[in-house]
Structure formats: C-alpha cells, structure tokens
Protein backbone atom coordinates (compact mmCIF):
# COMPACT_ATOMS: atom_id res chain seq x y z
CA MET A 1 21.09 -47.35 -78.60
CA ASN A 2 21.81 -51.17 -79.87
CA VAL A 3 21.08 -53.35 -76.63
CA GLU A 4 20.40 -56.41 -78.72
CA ASN A 5 22.01 -59.65 -76.95
CA LYS A 6 23.36 -56.86 -74.41
CA ARG A 7 23.24 -58.10 -70.27
CA VAL A 8 21.81 -54.87 -68.77
CA LEU A 9 21.80 -54.49 -65.19
CA VAL A 10 18.59 -52.60 -64.16
CA LEU A 11 18.91 -50.82 -60.71
CA GLY A 12 15.49 -49.77 -59.08
CA MET A 13 12.48 -51.88 -59.86
CA ALA A 14 9.80 -49.12 -59.45
CA ARG A 15 7.72 -48.01 -62.17
CA SER A 16 10.38 -46.95 -64.06
CA GLY A 17 12.56 -49.84 -63.64
CA ILE A 18 9.70 -52.19 -64.95
CA ALA A 19 9.04 -50.20 -67.88
CA VAL A 20 12.43 -50.05 -69.09
CA ALA A 21 13.15 -53.92 -68.27
CA GLU A 22 10.18 -54.50 -70.98
CA LEU A 23 11.79 -51.95 -73.17
CA LEU A 24 14.84 -53.74 -73.46
CA LEU A 25 13.18 -57.16 -73.83
CA HIS A 26 11.17 -55.46 -76.81
CA HIS A 27 14.68 -54.46 -78.35
CA GLY A 28 16.52 -58.06 -77.78
CA ALA A 29 18.45 -57.21 -74.66
CA ILE A 30 18.90 -59.45 -71.41
CA PRO A 31 17.93 -57.37 -68.32
CA ILE A 32 19.07 -58.14 -65.07
CA LEU A 33 16.79 -56.73 -62.54
CA ALA A 34 18.41 -55.55 -59.10
CA ASP A 35 17.09 -53.84 -56.28
CA SER A 36 17.58 -53.26 -52.51
CA LYS A 37 14.71 -55.03 -52.07
CA LYS A 38 14.24 -58.98 -52.13
CA GLU A 39 11.68 -60.40 -54.30
CA GLU A 40 8.89 -61.14 -51.95
CA ALA A 41 8.52 -57.70 -51.58
CA PHE A 42 7.32 -56.84 -54.66
CA GLY A 43 4.09 -58.93 -54.78
CA ASP A 44 2.53 -59.06 -58.38
CA ALA A 45 4.29 -56.25 -59.75
CA LEU A 46 7.03 -58.26 -61.38
CA ASP A 47 4.67 -61.05 -62.79
CA GLY A 48 4.90 -59.40 -66.42
CA LEU A 49 8.78 -60.17 -66.29
CA ARG A 50 8.52 -63.44 -65.32
CA ASN A 51 9.28 -66.30 -67.92
CA THR A 52 11.11 -64.06 -70.19
CA ALA A 53 15.04 -63.57 -70.61
CA CYS A 54 14.81 -61.29 -67.59
CA GLN A 55 16.99 -62.71 -65.17
CA PHE A 56 16.31 -61.59 -61.37
CA ARG A 57 18.84 -60.48 -58.86
CA LEU A 58 16.72 -58.84 -55.78
CA GLY A 59 18.26 -57.73 -52.55
CA MET A 60 21.86 -58.45 -53.66
CA ASP A 61 24.93 -56.03 -53.89
CA PRO A 62 24.71 -54.60 -57.27
CA ILE A 63 28.38 -53.78 -57.02
CA LYS A 64 28.76 -57.54 -57.01
CA LEU A 65 26.48 -57.74 -60.02
CA LEU A 66 28.59 -55.68 -62.56
CA ASP A 67 30.78 -58.49 -63.91
CA GLU A 68 27.58 -60.00 -65.13
CA ALA A 69 26.72 -57.11 -67.24
CA ASP A 70 27.49 -54.96 -70.07
CA ILE A 71 25.41 -51.56 -69.25
CA LEU A 72 24.45 -50.25 -65.95
CA LEU A 73 21.05 -48.51 -66.45
CA ILE A 74 20.09 -46.23 -63.40
CA SER A 75 16.13 -45.38 -62.30
CA PRO A 76 16.03 -41.62 -61.44
CA GLY A 77 16.08 -42.60 -57.58
CA VAL A 78 19.75 -43.89 -57.88
CA PRO A 79 21.86 -40.93 -57.81
CA ILE A 80 24.73 -40.36 -60.02
CA ASP A 81 27.49 -40.50 -57.51
CA ALA A 82 26.00 -44.10 -55.81
CA PRO A 83 28.76 -46.33 -55.18
CA VAL A 84 27.61 -48.80 -57.75
CA VAL A 85 27.64 -45.99 -60.49
CA LEU A 86 30.97 -45.10 -59.57
CA ALA A 87 32.27 -48.43 -59.75
CA ALA A 88 30.46 -49.03 -62.97
CA LYS A 89 32.52 -46.02 -64.08
CA GLU A 90 35.67 -47.52 -62.88
CA LYS A 91 35.13 -50.24 -64.93
CA ALA A 92 34.44 -47.97 -68.24
CA MET A 93 30.91 -49.74 -67.95
CA PRO A 94 28.41 -47.35 -69.82
CA VAL A 95 26.05 -45.93 -67.42
CA VAL A 96 22.45 -44.97 -68.92
CA GLY A 97 19.57 -43.29 -67.39
CA GLU A 98 16.13 -44.78 -67.85
CA LEU A 99 14.73 -41.39 -69.53
CA GLU A 100 17.99 -41.47 -71.81
CA MET A 101 17.42 -45.28 -72.76
CA ALA A 102 13.80 -44.39 -73.49
CA TYR A 103 14.71 -41.55 -75.74
CA SER A 104 16.99 -43.48 -77.70
CA PHE A 105 14.18 -45.71 -78.88
CA LEU A 106 11.35 -42.84 -79.19
CA GLN A 107 9.70 -41.76 -82.37
CA GLY A 108 8.11 -38.61 -83.42
CA GLU A 109 8.22 -35.20 -81.83
CA MET A 110 9.13 -34.60 -78.24
CA VAL A 111 8.76 -31.31 -75.90
CA ALA A 112 9.55 -31.33 -72.15
CA ILE A 113 8.88 -29.45 -69.23
CA SER A 114 10.90 -28.93 -65.77
CA GLY A 115 10.98 -26.38 -63.08
CA THR A 116 10.92 -27.02 -59.20
CA ASN A 117 6.91 -26.63 -59.44
CA GLY A 118 4.19 -26.75 -61.85
CA LYS A 119 5.77 -29.26 -63.74
CA THR A 120 3.01 -32.07 -63.59
CA THR A 121 -0.07 -29.09 -64.19
CA THR A 122 1.60 -27.56 -67.14
CA THR A 123 2.91 -31.27 -69.09
CA THR A 124 -1.00 -32.26 -68.41
CA LEU A 125 -1.89 -28.94 -69.66
CA VAL A 126 0.25 -29.01 -72.74
CA GLY A 127 -0.54 -32.79 -73.30
CA ARG A 128 -4.62 -31.45 -73.52
CA ILE A 129 -3.59 -29.05 -76.30
CA PHE A 130 -1.95 -31.42 -78.58
CA GLU A 131 -4.91 -34.14 -78.10
CA ASN A 132 -7.32 -31.27 -78.69
CA MET A 133 -5.00 -30.38 -81.95
CA GLY A 134 -6.24 -33.80 -83.05
CA ARG A 135 -2.34 -35.54 -82.68
CA VAL A 136 -1.70 -38.83 -80.88
CA THR A 137 -0.25 -37.49 -77.59
CA HIS A 138 1.81 -39.29 -75.15
CA VAL A 139 1.96 -37.62 -71.63
CA ALA A 140 5.04 -39.52 -69.66
CA GLY A 141 8.07 -39.11 -67.68
CA ASN A 142 8.55 -37.78 -64.08
CA ILE A 143 4.39 -37.55 -64.33
CA GLY A 144 4.28 -41.20 -63.18
CA TYR A 145 3.90 -43.06 -66.81
CA PRO A 146 7.25 -44.01 -68.00
CA LEU A 147 8.80 -42.82 -70.99
CA SER A 148 9.96 -46.04 -71.83
CA SER A 149 6.42 -47.47 -71.84
CA VAL A 150 5.69 -44.67 -74.53
CA ALA A 151 8.91 -45.68 -76.55
CA LYS A 152 7.51 -49.24 -77.21
CA VAL A 153 4.48 -47.94 -79.19
CA SER A 154 5.17 -44.09 -80.40
CA LYS A 155 5.19 -43.71 -83.99
CA LYS A 156 6.73 -40.57 -86.12
CA GLU A 157 3.61 -38.77 -86.34
CA ASP A 158 3.15 -38.63 -82.54
CA VAL A 159 4.09 -36.04 -80.25
CA SER A 160 5.29 -36.86 -76.45
CA VAL A 161 4.99 -34.35 -73.82
CA VAL A 162 7.59 -35.28 -71.47
CA GLU A 163 7.86 -34.07 -67.48
CA VAL A 164 11.68 -34.39 -66.21
CA SER A 165 12.91 -34.30 -62.81
CA SER A 166 16.65 -32.92 -61.83
CA PHE A 167 16.82 -36.81 -60.73
CA GLN A 168 16.57 -37.78 -64.66
CA LEU A 169 18.74 -34.62 -65.92
CA GLU A 170 21.61 -36.26 -63.68
CA SER A 171 22.20 -39.07 -66.26
CA ILE A 172 21.20 -37.47 -70.01
CA LYS A 173 23.71 -37.58 -72.91
CA THR A 174 21.61 -37.22 -75.94
CA PHE A 175 18.19 -36.53 -75.09
CA HIS A 176 17.02 -33.37 -77.17
CA PRO A 177 13.19 -31.80 -76.54
CA LYS A 178 12.41 -29.76 -79.66
CA VAL A 179 10.80 -27.34 -77.41
CA ALA A 180 11.75 -27.43 -73.62
CA ALA A 181 10.18 -25.29 -70.85
CA LEU A 182 11.94 -24.45 -67.25
CA LEU A 183 9.05 -22.73 -65.33
CA ASN A 184 11.11 -21.65 -62.42
CA ILE A 185 13.62 -22.71 -59.70
CA THR A 186 13.25 -22.82 -55.81
CA GLU A 187 15.34 -24.70 -53.14
CA ASP A 188 14.53 -28.28 -53.65
CA HIS A 189 15.90 -31.78 -53.31
CA LEU A 190 19.22 -30.63 -51.56
CA ASN A 191 19.27 -33.91 -49.48
CA ARG A 192 20.43 -35.09 -52.99
CA HIS A 193 21.90 -32.50 -54.98
CA GLY A 194 23.45 -30.90 -52.30
CA THR A 195 23.74 -26.76 -53.14
CA MET A 196 21.57 -24.53 -55.02
CA ALA A 197 24.25 -24.04 -57.71
CA GLN A 198 24.35 -27.84 -58.57
CA TYR A 199 20.66 -27.83 -58.59
CA ILE A 200 20.18 -25.00 -61.16
CA LYS A 201 23.27 -26.75 -63.04
CA LEU A 202 21.15 -29.95 -63.43
CA LYS A 203 17.92 -28.34 -64.41
CA GLN A 204 19.85 -25.84 -67.15
CA ARG A 205 20.74 -29.42 -68.67
CA LEU A 206 17.23 -29.80 -69.71
CA PHE A 207 18.26 -27.50 -72.90
CA GLU A 208 21.85 -28.93 -73.38
CA ASN A 209 21.35 -30.79 -76.23
CA GLN A 210 19.04 -28.02 -77.97
CA THR A 211 20.31 -26.31 -81.59
CA ALA A 212 19.60 -22.96 -82.90
CA THR A 213 16.45 -24.63 -84.55
CA ASP A 214 15.11 -25.20 -81.07
CA VAL A 215 12.90 -23.15 -78.52
CA ALA A 216 13.71 -22.82 -75.10
CA VAL A 217 10.97 -21.37 -72.71
CA LEU A 218 11.94 -19.59 -69.73
CA ASN A 219 10.01 -17.69 -66.91
CA MET A 220 11.14 -14.16 -67.19
CA ASP A 221 9.82 -13.15 -63.79
CA ASP A 222 12.50 -15.73 -62.26
CA PRO A 223 15.91 -13.95 -61.76
CA VAL A 224 17.80 -17.39 -62.02
CA LEU A 225 16.22 -18.25 -65.57
CA PHE A 226 16.51 -14.70 -66.82
CA LYS A 227 20.20 -15.03 -65.99
CA MET A 228 20.33 -18.48 -67.97
CA ALA A 229 18.74 -17.16 -70.92
CA GLY A 230 22.05 -15.94 -72.11
CA LYS A 231 23.68 -19.36 -71.81
CA LEU A 232 21.53 -21.43 -74.47
CA LYS A 233 21.90 -22.14 -77.73
CA GLY A 234 18.00 -22.55 -78.59
CA ARG A 235 15.78 -19.58 -79.35
CA VAL A 236 14.42 -18.21 -75.92
CA ALA A 237 10.51 -17.45 -75.78
CA PHE A 238 9.92 -15.74 -72.46
CA PHE A 239 6.69 -16.00 -70.48
CA SER A 240 5.58 -13.50 -67.76
CA ARG A 241 2.68 -12.60 -66.24
CA THR A 242 4.09 -9.37 -65.26
CA GLN A 243 5.60 -7.92 -68.13
CA LYS A 244 5.52 -7.55 -71.82
CA VAL A 245 8.15 -9.91 -73.53
CA GLU A 246 9.70 -9.24 -77.11
CA ASN A 247 9.49 -12.81 -78.22
CA GLY A 248 6.93 -15.37 -75.75
CA ALA A 249 3.83 -15.10 -73.98
CA PHE A 250 2.67 -12.52 -71.66
CA VAL A 251 -0.42 -10.65 -70.18
CA GLU A 252 -1.54 -7.50 -71.58
CA GLY A 253 -4.76 -5.83 -71.05
CA GLY A 254 -6.18 -8.83 -68.96
CA LYS A 255 -5.75 -11.09 -72.14
CA ILE A 256 -3.17 -13.57 -73.00
CA VAL A 257 -1.09 -12.48 -76.03
CA TRP A 258 1.79 -14.65 -77.96
CA GLN A 259 4.50 -12.55 -79.72
CA TRP A 260 7.06 -13.83 -82.10
CA ASP A 261 9.32 -11.87 -84.51
CA GLY A 262 6.78 -9.08 -84.27
CA VAL A 263 3.83 -10.97 -85.12
CA ARG A 264 1.07 -10.96 -82.34
CA LYS A 265 -1.84 -13.89 -81.73
CA PRO A 266 -4.39 -12.95 -79.04
CA ILE A 267 -5.32 -16.20 -77.07
CA CYS A 268 -8.10 -15.72 -74.41
CA ASP A 269 -8.77 -13.13 -71.13
CA ALA A 270 -6.35 -14.40 -68.20
CA GLU A 271 -10.06 -14.44 -66.09
CA GLN A 272 -11.17 -17.21 -68.81
CA ILE A 273 -8.31 -19.88 -67.27
CA LEU A 274 -10.38 -22.44 -64.80
CA ILE A 275 -7.30 -23.20 -63.01
CA PRO A 276 -6.95 -21.08 -60.06
CA GLY A 277 -4.16 -18.80 -58.90
CA PRO A 278 -1.22 -16.85 -60.06
CA HIS A 279 1.32 -19.79 -60.17
CA ASN A 280 -1.24 -21.63 -62.49
CA LEU A 281 -1.76 -18.22 -64.75
CA GLU A 282 2.39 -18.88 -65.19
CA ASN A 283 1.50 -22.49 -65.92
CA ALA A 284 -0.76 -21.25 -68.86
CA LEU A 285 1.73 -18.78 -70.16
CA ALA A 286 4.20 -21.23 -70.41
CA ALA A 287 1.89 -24.05 -72.15
CA THR A 288 0.77 -21.22 -74.27
CA ALA A 289 4.27 -20.64 -75.36
CA MET A 290 5.23 -24.15 -75.99
CA ALA A 291 1.89 -24.86 -78.19
CA CYS A 292 2.64 -21.60 -80.35
CA ALA A 293 6.22 -22.53 -80.42
CA MET A 294 4.95 -25.95 -82.03
CA GLY A 295 2.68 -24.42 -84.32
CA VAL A 296 -0.46 -25.10 -82.57
CA PRO A 297 -3.32 -22.89 -84.16
CA ALA A 298 -4.45 -20.11 -81.34
CA PRO A 299 -8.35 -21.39 -80.65
CA VAL A 300 -7.29 -24.72 -79.75
CA ILE A 301 -5.22 -23.41 -77.08
CA ARG A 302 -7.93 -20.81 -76.41
CA HIS A 303 -10.48 -23.90 -76.20
CA THR A 304 -8.19 -25.60 -73.73
CA LEU A 305 -6.99 -23.38 -71.51
CA MET A 306 -10.95 -22.34 -71.01
CA SER A 307 -11.72 -25.99 -70.19
CA PHE A 308 -8.77 -27.46 -68.26
CA THR A 309 -9.53 -28.16 -64.48
CA GLY A 310 -5.99 -28.85 -63.27
CA VAL A 311 -4.77 -32.20 -61.83
CA GLU A 312 -5.19 -34.51 -59.11
CA HIS A 313 -3.76 -33.60 -55.79
CA ARG A 314 -3.21 -29.83 -56.84
CA ILE A 315 -5.04 -27.32 -55.21
CA GLU A 316 -7.67 -29.78 -55.71
CA LYS A 317 -11.21 -29.38 -53.72
CA VAL A 318 -12.33 -32.66 -52.34
CA ARG A 319 -15.53 -31.93 -50.37
CA VAL A 320 -17.42 -29.36 -48.69
CA PHE A 321 -18.38 -30.87 -44.95
CA LYS A 322 -20.47 -28.49 -42.63
CA SER A 323 -19.77 -25.53 -44.60
CA VAL A 324 -15.70 -26.26 -44.52
CA THR A 325 -14.13 -26.72 -47.84
CA TYR A 326 -11.32 -29.60 -48.05
CA ILE A 327 -8.15 -28.97 -50.45
CA ASN A 328 -5.83 -31.44 -51.35
CA ASP A 329 -2.53 -30.29 -51.91
CA SER A 330 -0.48 -33.04 -51.71
CA LYS A 331 1.86 -32.39 -54.66
CA GLY A 332 3.11 -29.32 -52.83
CA THR A 333 6.18 -31.43 -51.53
CA ASN A 334 8.80 -28.01 -51.17
CA VAL A 335 8.43 -24.56 -49.60
CA ASP A 336 7.62 -22.68 -52.99
CA SER A 337 4.90 -24.91 -53.82
CA THR A 338 3.16 -24.65 -50.46
CA ILE A 339 3.81 -20.72 -50.50
CA LYS A 340 1.60 -20.63 -54.04
CA ALA A 341 -1.19 -22.79 -52.52
CA VAL A 342 -1.12 -20.27 -49.25
CA GLN A 343 -1.46 -17.57 -51.84
CA SER A 344 -4.31 -19.11 -53.49
CA MET A 345 -6.63 -19.04 -50.19
CA LYS A 346 -9.34 -16.51 -49.95
CA VAL A 347 -10.63 -17.27 -46.38
CA PRO A 348 -9.03 -18.41 -43.06
CA THR A 349 -7.59 -21.81 -43.62
CA VAL A 350 -6.44 -24.71 -41.42
CA LEU A 351 -3.00 -25.93 -43.10
CA ILE A 352 -1.56 -29.28 -42.71
CA LEU A 353 2.12 -29.22 -43.18
CA GLY A 354 4.97 -31.37 -43.00
CA GLY A 355 6.56 -34.71 -43.75
CA TYR A 356 9.91 -36.30 -45.03
CA ASP A 357 12.96 -34.09 -44.33
CA LYS A 358 14.40 -33.02 -47.45
CA HIS A 359 16.83 -30.77 -45.41
CA THR A 360 14.52 -27.70 -46.49
CA ASP A 361 14.63 -24.38 -44.70
CA PHE A 362 10.90 -23.74 -43.70
CA MET A 363 11.36 -19.58 -42.87
CA PRO A 364 10.27 -18.16 -46.42
CA LEU A 365 6.75 -20.32 -45.71
CA CYS A 366 6.34 -19.17 -42.45
CA LYS A 367 6.87 -15.38 -43.53
CA GLU A 368 4.26 -15.96 -46.44
CA ILE A 369 1.94 -17.78 -43.76
CA ILE A 370 2.34 -14.64 -41.24
CA ALA A 371 1.82 -11.96 -44.15
CA SER A 372 -1.26 -13.77 -46.16
CA GLY A 373 -3.39 -13.60 -42.88
CA LYS A 374 -5.54 -16.51 -44.30
CA ILE A 375 -3.78 -19.48 -42.23
CA SER A 376 -5.50 -19.66 -38.88
CA LYS A 377 -3.93 -22.57 -37.96
CA ILE A 378 -1.36 -25.31 -38.70
CA ILE A 379 -1.21 -28.68 -38.08
CA ALA A 380 2.47 -30.23 -38.13
CA ILE A 381 2.92 -33.86 -38.69
CA GLY A 382 6.00 -35.67 -39.67
CA GLN A 383 9.39 -35.63 -39.70
CA THR A 384 9.81 -32.09 -39.87
CA ALA A 385 6.97 -31.36 -37.49
CA GLY A 386 9.53 -30.08 -34.87
CA GLN A 387 11.62 -27.85 -37.58
CA ILE A 388 8.14 -26.33 -38.95
CA CYS A 389 7.20 -25.25 -35.17
CA GLU A 390 10.42 -23.98 -34.09
CA GLN A 391 10.66 -21.87 -37.11
CA LEU A 392 7.03 -20.73 -37.07
CA GLN A 393 7.81 -19.84 -33.50
CA GLU A 394 10.98 -17.91 -34.55
CA ALA A 395 8.63 -15.84 -37.23
CA GLY A 396 6.09 -14.68 -34.49
CA TYR A 397 3.52 -17.31 -35.72
CA THR A 398 2.21 -19.58 -32.52
CA ASP A 399 -1.20 -20.64 -33.32
CA PHE A 400 0.03 -24.54 -34.60
CA GLN A 401 -0.35 -27.97 -32.81
CA ARG A 402 1.63 -31.40 -33.83
CA ALA A 403 -0.23 -34.30 -34.80
CA TYR A 404 1.28 -38.05 -34.35
CA SER A 405 -0.78 -39.67 -37.30
CA PHE A 406 -2.86 -38.30 -40.40
CA GLN A 407 -6.13 -39.52 -38.78
CA GLU A 408 -5.26 -37.18 -36.08
CA ALA A 409 -4.09 -34.54 -38.33
CA VAL A 410 -7.33 -34.52 -39.92
CA ASP A 411 -9.43 -34.77 -37.07
CA GLN A 412 -7.64 -31.70 -35.58
CA ALA A 413 -8.22 -29.70 -38.51
CA ARG A 414 -11.72 -30.38 -38.68
CA ALA A 415 -12.05 -29.22 -34.92
CA SER A 416 -10.23 -26.19 -35.52
CA ALA A 417 -11.81 -25.03 -39.35
CA ILE A 418 -14.42 -22.10 -38.70
CA VAL A 419 -17.67 -22.15 -40.95
CA GLY A 420 -17.02 -20.99 -44.78
CA GLY A 421 -13.25 -21.60 -44.20
CA ASN A 422 -10.76 -23.99 -45.58
CA VAL A 423 -9.00 -26.82 -44.54
CA LEU A 424 -5.64 -27.54 -46.61
CA LEU A 425 -3.51 -30.06 -47.30
CA SER A 426 -0.18 -28.63 -48.89
CA PRO A 427 2.61 -30.45 -46.52
CA ALA A 428 6.23 -29.07 -48.21
CA CYS A 429 7.27 -31.89 -48.00
CA ALA A 430 7.81 -35.33 -49.81
CA SER A 431 5.43 -37.91 -48.16
CA PHE A 432 7.88 -40.93 -48.02
CA ASP A 433 8.24 -40.96 -43.63
CA MET A 434 4.44 -41.89 -44.01
CA PHE A 435 3.57 -42.51 -47.47
CA ARG A 436 4.36 -44.57 -50.77
CA ASP A 437 4.42 -41.39 -52.55
CA TYR A 438 2.50 -38.11 -52.58
CA GLU A 439 -0.22 -39.78 -54.55
CA ASP A 440 -0.84 -42.22 -51.68
CA ARG A 441 -1.10 -39.55 -49.63
CA GLY A 442 -3.59 -37.23 -51.06
CA ARG A 443 -5.92 -40.52 -51.81
CA VAL A 444 -5.63 -41.12 -47.99
CA PHE A 445 -6.73 -37.48 -47.25
CA LYS A 446 -9.27 -37.60 -49.58
CA GLN A 447 -10.35 -40.73 -48.09
CA LEU A 448 -10.30 -39.45 -44.61
CA VAL A 449 -12.13 -36.59 -45.78
CA ASN A 450 -15.18 -38.30 -47.35
CA ASP A 451 -15.29 -40.73 -44.17
CA LEU A 452 -16.09 -37.59 -42.06
CA LYS A 453 -19.57 -38.02 -40.50
C-alpha cells in the first residue's frame, strides 16, 4: 500500500496504534493520532512519536478530524460499524485496519492462527517450532506484539506467526496467510458482534484470500468447523484427538501422527507433550498440522512438543503454599476456556470466577462445574458476579460466595482451600471492569499469591 505523503488518521493509540504510526512514518506517511483519551492519559507511552511528522489530535471527536485525512486507520478496538467508520465510508475514504496495513508491508512467509480459545498457546508453540528449525521467526498480532512492529524489520527469508482475533478480521481486505488454522468456535464477544452467526462469519474470513495452493487447518471435532471445510478454497488439513483423519494430524495408538496424501509421519507419543489437558493436545495437533504443512521436519516438531512448557497466564502454576497449589489462568476470558481449565483439575479446587460483562451465558460452565466434581467452592467477583451466582444456584450448585475486591477473592480462596487442593483463577470473563487487560489481572493475582505469608 502506498502511503507516502498521505495523511492517515490513526484511531486508537494503544500498542497497535503506536506501532502502526511508527510503520507509517517509516513509509513516509503523515500520521494524525486520535484517541478518546487526552494526551496526559498516555504518560510517556507516546514519547517516541514526538518530534516526528505525527500530528496529535488526542481527546477530540474523530469524525471532525476526517476532513484532515486521506485514509482512516482503525485499531482492533474500533468496531467496523463505529460512527467514525461509517462517516469515513460515506466520504468514500479508505478505511484500513492495523493488521491489514501491517500485512501490506510484511515480507517473508506468514501463517496465522485464530479461534475462540487456544490462540496464544498455539501461536507461541508454532513460533517455537520455526525457531527450533533455525528460521528467523516473528510471533505477533493479537498475542500482544503488533504485526506493524514486525513489518518494519521483516525480510523475505523470515516467517511470521500471527495470532488473529475476530476484531482484526472485521477490517481485512488482502490479508493472506499461506497456512491458517481455526482452532475452535464457541460463544464469545457477542457484545460486539451481536450474534453467533456473525461471529462465525468473521472467523471464516481468516481463509478469505487463500487459494488452492494454501492450507486451511481445522478442528474436525468442532461441528461448526467441520461444516465450514466445504466452503474454503485452500486444501483442508484436519486435526482431531478423537478420530483418524485422511489428511491432517491425529492420535492413533497413543501417538501423534501426520498424514498427507497417503504419506504418514509419526511425530511423538501424546503423553510426551508437556502442556497439560485435552485442550492442549488439540493445540499441539493444530501446531503439528501447521508445521508439517510448512515442511518442518518431524524431529524438530517432536523436540518442540516435548520441551514446550506453555505460556504465561494459561493454567500457569504460580506457587504451592501450605500444600495448596495456586494456578493463574487469567487468559480464561470466556466460558469455553474456563470449562477446559476446570476439566484439567484433578483435585478439589476453589475457582475464582467473574469479571467484565460480555453478555455471556454461564450455564454451560455451571453444568461442567457440577459434572466435574472437582470444584469445591466458587468465589464470584466483578461485574458478572451476580449473574454467575444466580446461574450457579439455578443449576443446583450452592457452594459459592462473592468477593468485592481481588484481594478479598484471594483471601477467601485461601481460607476455603483444602490441603492438597488448588486455587484456580479462571474468570470466564474479560478483565476490563477491574484491570487494564488479562495480563494485568494475572500479574496482580501472582503478586497477591506470592505475598501470602
């Protein structure tokens, strides 16, 4: 995309907004920086953009800034139907997402991962596989490191592994991964997307620009994704932990196997994967399928699966204190993710649950809590605490109580835990009611746990 001497209104100055402003400067554009927050709210975060061609318009109505710009560039937090976006389209002004802008300047090969859950673990794992192969690898996107930062430094021999959210997929146009994986689809972000049908439609856009020479990796055990396979232009590689697939990755006789056009490659024993739980076996299978589709040798994949210990904030063991194990699963930001965390518990567990309201139905989680028999008590917190308590009671689970601060939640969990048991933070909600993001929530939890005396 040619942006030289173009005035680009960058809306949303979080990490991705700052990164894309730097990328635009690198390519000779004039970024106009806009955000609902005023300049003083950013502290020193924008210092790197001062004394450049950037023009600061923070805290102003972005619709009134459209007349100053040639292009509107939106960060993932800006919905595609936001008033400023609709106003720009009425003016026939190009509207570009941060991911799309970054992709237009990216060099080298690219693979992409999306799904409701498991994105960060799988993205990190695939990145580690390529690193162990000896390739210069960039792990970026929704994982917390913007693709715009990679686009400034990438070279044609590099490979980028990109985590992609439904928010980012709203505004893509040419984004085209050579191999793309959709891990699963369950209810999430309905406060933004409105319906499950729209959410599924957005996730399918991950494959929109693929051709017959590309590979789409899908979870065969997910009925929505199995149905989606027939609508895609790329070759489909399935993965499954419950059944054999004709082309893809599966478990047979306790071993992970890759099969493609009749050629089989054993990878490793499923039990040799370090990251725990059936959901992580699925993540490992998806990563195997992606790596094999990209020509990574089996020994490299085997070594990585046998040495990868997981990611921060995802079923992360924090500390054993007075014979109670404290586990940080702050990345559990939706019901399905927390269901998987509950299924991973093997001993009586106190669960800290609740947070920002995304208009979620907690009943499937309530039923899983009862079915698992491992959740000894629930501490409900945040905006959704009342709804969670109501739905738990409706489901027939009564061993719950509310906490009105994070410190109180940890203290109540400590008092309720039994010797040999767990305390699990897996909120099934976003964090924005109490924290900056799930990482901030996880760090605070770990600090409170490590401060226990």
